[in-house]
Amino acid sequence: MKSNVLKSLIVFLLFTSALISCSEKDSGDKAKLEIRMTDDPAAFDAVYIDLKDVQINVTGDDDKGWQSLPGVHAGIYNLLDLVNDKDTLLVNADIPSGKLHQIRLVLGTNNSIVANGVTIPLETPSAQQSGLKLNVQQNVTGGILYTMVLDFDAGRSIVSTGNGKFILKPVIRTVLNAVGGSIKGAVTPKTVLTAVYAINGTDTMSTFTDLNGGYLIKGVPAASYTMKYYPTDTTYKSQTKTGIVVTTGNVTIVDTVRLMK
């Protein structure tokens, strides 16, 4: 009796979690881009940057030219809070696969520095009008998670005009890296919602199949994994696949799993 109750509880939890997971499955052929900002020390009390938007320019099958990323954490950031390996997340969004040419940061008007306790406005004419363009020129693959670090050199970015005014001419280094690889596959029959686990020792990642029976696990560290499949319909048996090798920057395709009763 306890066993049946436990199985029912597991199925309920899996199904509830799947409602969230399956809502994200339409992005399976897209890459995911996470952009973080950090800074080098500068001789000021504070350097405030008013971030309004982050845009990308990607050419590929889904070529839309410049497009704003959804979910940008707009706001005013003190760059000097981001020194000594500290960073902050600006955006985490799905992007088209293809070639990522440029990132554009659109700044507002509330940029300033604090020097010796005095707040001084920063003039940023070009960034305010069209956005600050940062060259990337790297290919991005669907199904892969990428992180980009914007290394903002505040000390070199603040230019004195000699009359008590300062201009912001941002000097930013971009570093784009793939985070591990991905595991992609499918389960049949597709009508059976299935929990999918990738296991390497104590490291476990999981997802659920979508309405077409497909699944994709992103950001998987390079290693060899055991895959376990648990159907929410308990009339079907769980299955296991071993020796699934993941390499950084690549999508590992797993043979279709056919559930059996």
Protein backbone atom coordinates (compact mmCIF):
# COMPACT_ATOMS: atom_id res chain seq x y z
CA MET A 1 0.00 0.00 0.00
CA LYS A 2 2.79 2.43 0.94
CA SER A 3 4.54 1.55 -2.33
CA ASN A 4 1.48 2.49 -4.41
CA VAL A 5 1.05 5.77 -2.54
CA LEU A 6 4.73 6.61 -3.08
CA LYS A 7 4.51 5.85 -6.80
CA SER A 8 1.41 8.03 -7.12
CA LEU A 9 3.19 10.90 -5.33
CA ILE A 10 6.23 10.60 -7.60
CA VAL A 11 4.04 10.62 -10.71
CA PHE A 12 2.19 13.72 -9.46
CA LEU A 13 5.45 15.57 -8.75
CA LEU A 14 6.90 14.60 -12.12
CA PHE A 15 3.78 15.74 -13.94
CA THR A 16 3.66 19.06 -12.06
CA SER A 17 7.31 19.77 -12.83
CA ALA A 18 6.80 18.74 -16.44
CA LEU A 19 4.20 21.46 -16.96
CA ILE A 20 6.99 23.99 -16.39
CA SER A 21 9.63 22.04 -18.29
CA CYS A 22 7.53 21.35 -21.37
CA SER A 23 6.66 25.04 -21.74
CA GLU A 24 10.33 25.65 -22.61
CA LYS A 25 10.69 22.89 -25.22
CA ASP A 26 10.04 25.13 -28.21
CA SER A 27 13.58 26.51 -27.81
CA GLY A 28 15.27 23.15 -28.45
CA ASP A 29 16.95 24.23 -31.72
CA LYS A 30 18.15 27.52 -30.28
CA ALA A 31 21.26 28.31 -28.31
CA LYS A 32 21.02 29.83 -24.84
CA LEU A 33 23.06 32.94 -24.05
CA GLU A 34 23.84 34.14 -20.56
CA ILE A 35 25.48 37.57 -20.35
CA ARG A 36 27.28 38.71 -17.20
CA MET A 37 29.13 41.96 -16.46
CA THR A 38 32.26 42.43 -14.37
CA ASP A 39 34.73 45.28 -13.89
CA ASP A 40 38.34 46.19 -13.22
CA PRO A 41 39.17 48.55 -10.31
CA ALA A 42 39.14 52.31 -10.93
CA ALA A 43 40.14 55.41 -8.95
CA PHE A 44 36.59 56.56 -8.17
CA ASP A 45 34.16 56.09 -5.30
CA ALA A 46 31.52 54.73 -7.70
CA VAL A 47 30.79 54.42 -11.42
CA TYR A 48 27.08 54.17 -12.24
CA ILE A 49 25.90 52.82 -15.59
CA ASP A 50 22.26 53.11 -16.67
CA LEU A 51 21.52 49.95 -18.70
CA LYS A 52 18.29 50.03 -20.73
CA ASP A 53 18.58 47.14 -23.21
CA VAL A 54 20.83 44.40 -24.59
CA GLN A 55 20.54 43.55 -28.29
CA ILE A 56 22.20 40.96 -30.52
CA ASN A 57 22.89 40.61 -34.24
CA VAL A 58 22.84 36.98 -35.40
CA THR A 59 22.79 35.71 -38.99
CA GLY A 60 21.50 32.20 -39.66
CA ASP A 61 18.28 30.34 -40.45
CA ASP A 62 16.36 32.68 -38.12
CA ASP A 63 17.93 35.92 -39.38
CA LYS A 64 16.14 38.92 -37.91
CA GLY A 65 19.05 41.34 -37.77
CA TRP A 66 19.24 43.36 -34.56
CA GLN A 67 16.86 42.12 -31.89
CA SER A 68 16.42 42.89 -28.20
CA LEU A 69 16.92 39.98 -25.81
CA PRO A 70 13.92 39.15 -23.62
CA GLY A 71 14.21 39.46 -19.86
CA VAL A 72 17.06 42.00 -19.71
CA HIS A 73 17.73 43.12 -16.13
CA ALA A 74 17.65 46.83 -16.88
CA GLY A 75 18.76 49.21 -14.15
CA ILE A 76 21.57 51.34 -12.77
CA TYR A 77 24.70 49.36 -11.89
CA ASN A 78 27.68 50.49 -9.83
CA LEU A 79 30.58 48.94 -11.74
CA LEU A 80 32.82 49.12 -8.69
CA ASP A 81 30.55 46.59 -6.97
CA LEU A 82 31.70 44.12 -9.63
CA VAL A 83 35.46 44.01 -9.06
CA ASN A 84 37.66 41.14 -7.80
CA ASP A 85 35.91 38.42 -9.83
CA LYS A 86 32.40 39.54 -8.84
CA ASP A 87 29.82 39.78 -11.62
CA THR A 88 26.12 40.32 -12.19
CA LEU A 89 23.67 38.63 -14.57
CA LEU A 90 22.32 40.98 -17.25
CA VAL A 91 20.24 38.51 -19.27
CA ASN A 92 19.65 34.79 -19.84
CA ALA A 93 17.78 34.13 -23.10
CA ASP A 94 17.39 31.80 -26.05
CA ILE A 95 18.99 33.05 -29.27
CA PRO A 96 18.97 31.76 -32.88
CA SER A 97 21.79 29.46 -33.93
CA GLY A 98 24.16 30.89 -36.53
CA LYS A 99 26.89 33.52 -36.25
CA LEU A 100 26.72 35.98 -33.39
CA HIS A 101 28.23 39.11 -34.89
CA GLN A 102 27.70 41.82 -32.29
CA ILE A 103 26.21 42.70 -28.92
CA ARG A 104 24.74 46.16 -28.42
CA LEU A 105 24.31 47.79 -25.01
CA VAL A 106 21.75 50.58 -24.95
CA LEU A 107 22.35 53.03 -22.11
CA GLY A 108 20.06 55.60 -20.55
CA THR A 109 20.93 59.10 -19.38
CA ASN A 110 21.50 58.40 -15.67
CA ASN A 111 25.22 57.60 -15.91
CA SER A 112 27.55 59.19 -13.35
CA ILE A 113 30.68 58.85 -11.26
CA VAL A 114 31.32 59.69 -7.64
CA ALA A 115 34.76 61.19 -6.94
CA ASN A 116 35.76 62.38 -3.47
CA GLY A 117 32.11 62.17 -2.44
CA VAL A 118 30.90 64.37 -5.31
CA THR A 119 28.51 62.99 -7.95
CA ILE A 120 29.41 64.05 -11.50
CA PRO A 121 27.21 63.23 -14.54
CA LEU A 122 28.76 61.25 -17.39
CA GLU A 123 28.11 62.29 -20.96
CA THR A 124 27.46 59.27 -23.21
CA PRO A 125 26.23 60.63 -26.56
CA SER A 126 26.92 57.72 -28.90
CA ALA A 127 25.76 54.97 -26.52
CA GLN A 128 22.55 56.85 -25.75
CA GLN A 129 21.60 57.32 -29.41
CA SER A 130 22.30 53.96 -31.02
CA GLY A 131 23.82 51.70 -28.38
CA LEU A 132 27.35 50.58 -27.73
CA LYS A 133 28.36 47.89 -30.23
CA LEU A 134 30.69 45.09 -29.16
CA ASN A 135 32.17 42.79 -31.81
CA VAL A 136 31.90 39.04 -31.13
CA GLN A 137 32.05 37.23 -34.52
CA GLN A 138 31.60 33.69 -33.22
CA ASN A 139 29.37 30.81 -34.26
CA VAL A 140 26.70 29.58 -31.83
CA THR A 141 25.15 26.12 -32.09
CA GLY A 142 21.56 25.25 -31.27
CA GLY A 143 21.18 23.32 -28.03
CA ILE A 144 24.37 24.73 -26.48
CA LEU A 145 24.54 27.06 -23.49
CA TYR A 146 26.97 29.98 -23.87
CA THR A 147 28.15 32.47 -21.29
CA MET A 148 29.46 35.88 -22.23
CA VAL A 149 31.39 38.01 -19.76
CA LEU A 150 31.52 41.74 -20.43
CA ASP A 151 34.73 42.88 -18.77
CA PHE A 152 34.14 46.63 -18.27
CA ASP A 153 37.36 48.63 -17.74
CA ALA A 154 35.96 51.58 -15.79
CA GLY A 155 39.35 53.22 -15.30
CA ARG A 156 39.98 53.50 -19.06
CA SER A 157 36.35 54.22 -19.89
CA ILE A 158 36.07 57.52 -17.99
CA VAL A 159 37.65 60.39 -19.93
CA SER A 160 38.10 63.88 -18.45
CA THR A 161 37.38 66.80 -20.81
CA GLY A 162 39.57 69.11 -18.74
CA ASN A 163 36.78 71.47 -17.67
CA GLY A 164 35.37 69.44 -14.82
CA LYS A 165 33.29 67.24 -17.10
CA PHE A 166 33.67 63.55 -17.85
CA ILE A 167 32.69 61.46 -20.88
CA LEU A 168 31.92 57.76 -20.85
CA LYS A 169 33.76 56.00 -23.69
CA PRO A 170 33.32 52.36 -22.66
CA VAL A 171 36.25 49.98 -23.01
CA ILE A 172 34.80 46.48 -22.74
CA ARG A 173 36.38 43.10 -23.44
CA THR A 174 33.97 40.29 -24.41
CA VAL A 175 34.63 36.64 -23.58
CA LEU A 176 32.22 34.05 -25.03
CA ASN A 177 32.47 30.43 -23.89
CA ALA A 178 30.40 27.31 -24.42
CA VAL A 179 29.32 25.72 -21.14
CA GLY A 180 29.70 21.96 -21.57
CA GLY A 181 27.60 20.28 -24.24
CA SER A 182 24.04 19.01 -24.59
CA ILE A 183 22.23 15.68 -24.69
CA LYS A 184 19.37 15.33 -27.17
CA GLY A 185 17.06 12.44 -27.93
CA ALA A 186 13.50 11.14 -28.07
CA VAL A 187 11.24 8.65 -26.33
CA THR A 188 8.39 6.64 -27.87
CA PRO A 189 5.49 6.44 -27.55
CA LYS A 190 5.50 10.22 -27.47
CA THR A 191 2.22 10.32 -25.56
CA VAL A 192 3.96 8.99 -22.45
CA LEU A 193 5.46 11.84 -20.43
CA THR A 194 8.90 10.64 -19.34
CA ALA A 195 11.45 11.98 -16.88
CA VAL A 196 14.99 11.86 -18.30
CA TYR A 197 18.09 11.85 -16.10
CA ALA A 198 21.78 12.23 -17.07
CA ILE A 199 23.94 10.86 -14.26
CA ASN A 200 27.71 11.04 -13.73
CA GLY A 201 28.61 9.94 -10.21
CA THR A 202 26.81 12.33 -7.87
CA ASP A 203 26.21 14.88 -10.66
CA THR A 204 22.63 14.58 -11.98
CA MET A 205 20.74 16.70 -14.53
CA SER A 206 17.16 16.08 -15.59
CA THR A 207 14.36 17.16 -17.88
CA PHE A 208 11.09 15.83 -19.32
CA THR A 209 9.99 14.81 -22.79
CA ASP A 210 7.88 17.31 -24.73
CA LEU A 211 4.64 16.74 -26.65
CA ASN A 212 6.62 15.13 -29.49
CA GLY A 213 8.58 12.86 -27.16
CA GLY A 214 11.78 14.84 -27.56
CA TYR A 215 14.13 16.07 -24.83
CA LEU A 216 17.19 18.29 -24.57
CA ILE A 217 19.48 18.81 -21.58
CA LYS A 218 21.75 21.87 -21.95
CA GLY A 219 24.89 22.90 -20.11
CA VAL A 220 26.09 19.35 -19.45
CA PRO A 221 29.77 19.18 -18.33
CA ALA A 222 32.00 17.08 -20.58
CA ALA A 223 32.01 13.49 -19.28
CA SER A 224 30.48 10.04 -19.79
CA TYR A 225 26.89 9.71 -18.55
CA THR A 226 24.32 7.07 -17.70
CA MET A 227 20.85 7.99 -18.95
CA LYS A 228 17.77 6.85 -17.04
CA TYR A 229 14.21 7.12 -18.30
CA TYR A 230 11.22 7.01 -15.94
CA PRO A 231 7.76 7.03 -17.60
CA THR A 232 5.03 8.74 -15.58
CA ASP A 233 2.72 5.98 -16.83
CA THR A 234 3.89 3.21 -14.51
CA THR A 235 2.55 0.49 -16.80
CA TYR A 236 5.73 1.14 -18.80
CA LYS A 237 9.15 0.02 -17.55
CA SER A 238 12.02 2.39 -16.82
CA GLN A 239 15.07 2.14 -19.08
CA THR A 240 18.80 2.84 -18.87
CA LYS A 241 21.48 3.75 -21.41
CA THR A 242 25.17 3.86 -20.50
CA GLY A 243 28.30 5.35 -22.02
CA ILE A 244 26.73 8.56 -23.34
CA VAL A 245 29.76 10.80 -23.98
CA VAL A 246 29.36 14.58 -23.88
CA THR A 247 31.99 17.00 -25.21
CA THR A 248 32.13 20.77 -24.77
CA GLY A 249 30.41 22.78 -27.50
CA ASN A 250 28.68 19.78 -29.09
CA VAL A 251 25.23 18.16 -29.02
CA THR A 252 25.30 14.42 -28.27
CA ILE A 253 22.44 12.60 -30.03
CA VAL A 254 21.10 9.58 -28.13
CA ASP A 255 19.30 6.76 -29.98
CA THR A 256 15.52 6.84 -29.57
CA VAL A 257 14.29 5.05 -26.46
CA ARG A 258 11.31 2.77 -27.01
CA LEU A 259 9.31 2.19 -23.84
CA MET A 260 8.11 -1.32 -23.11
CA LYS A 261 5.35 -2.60 -20.83
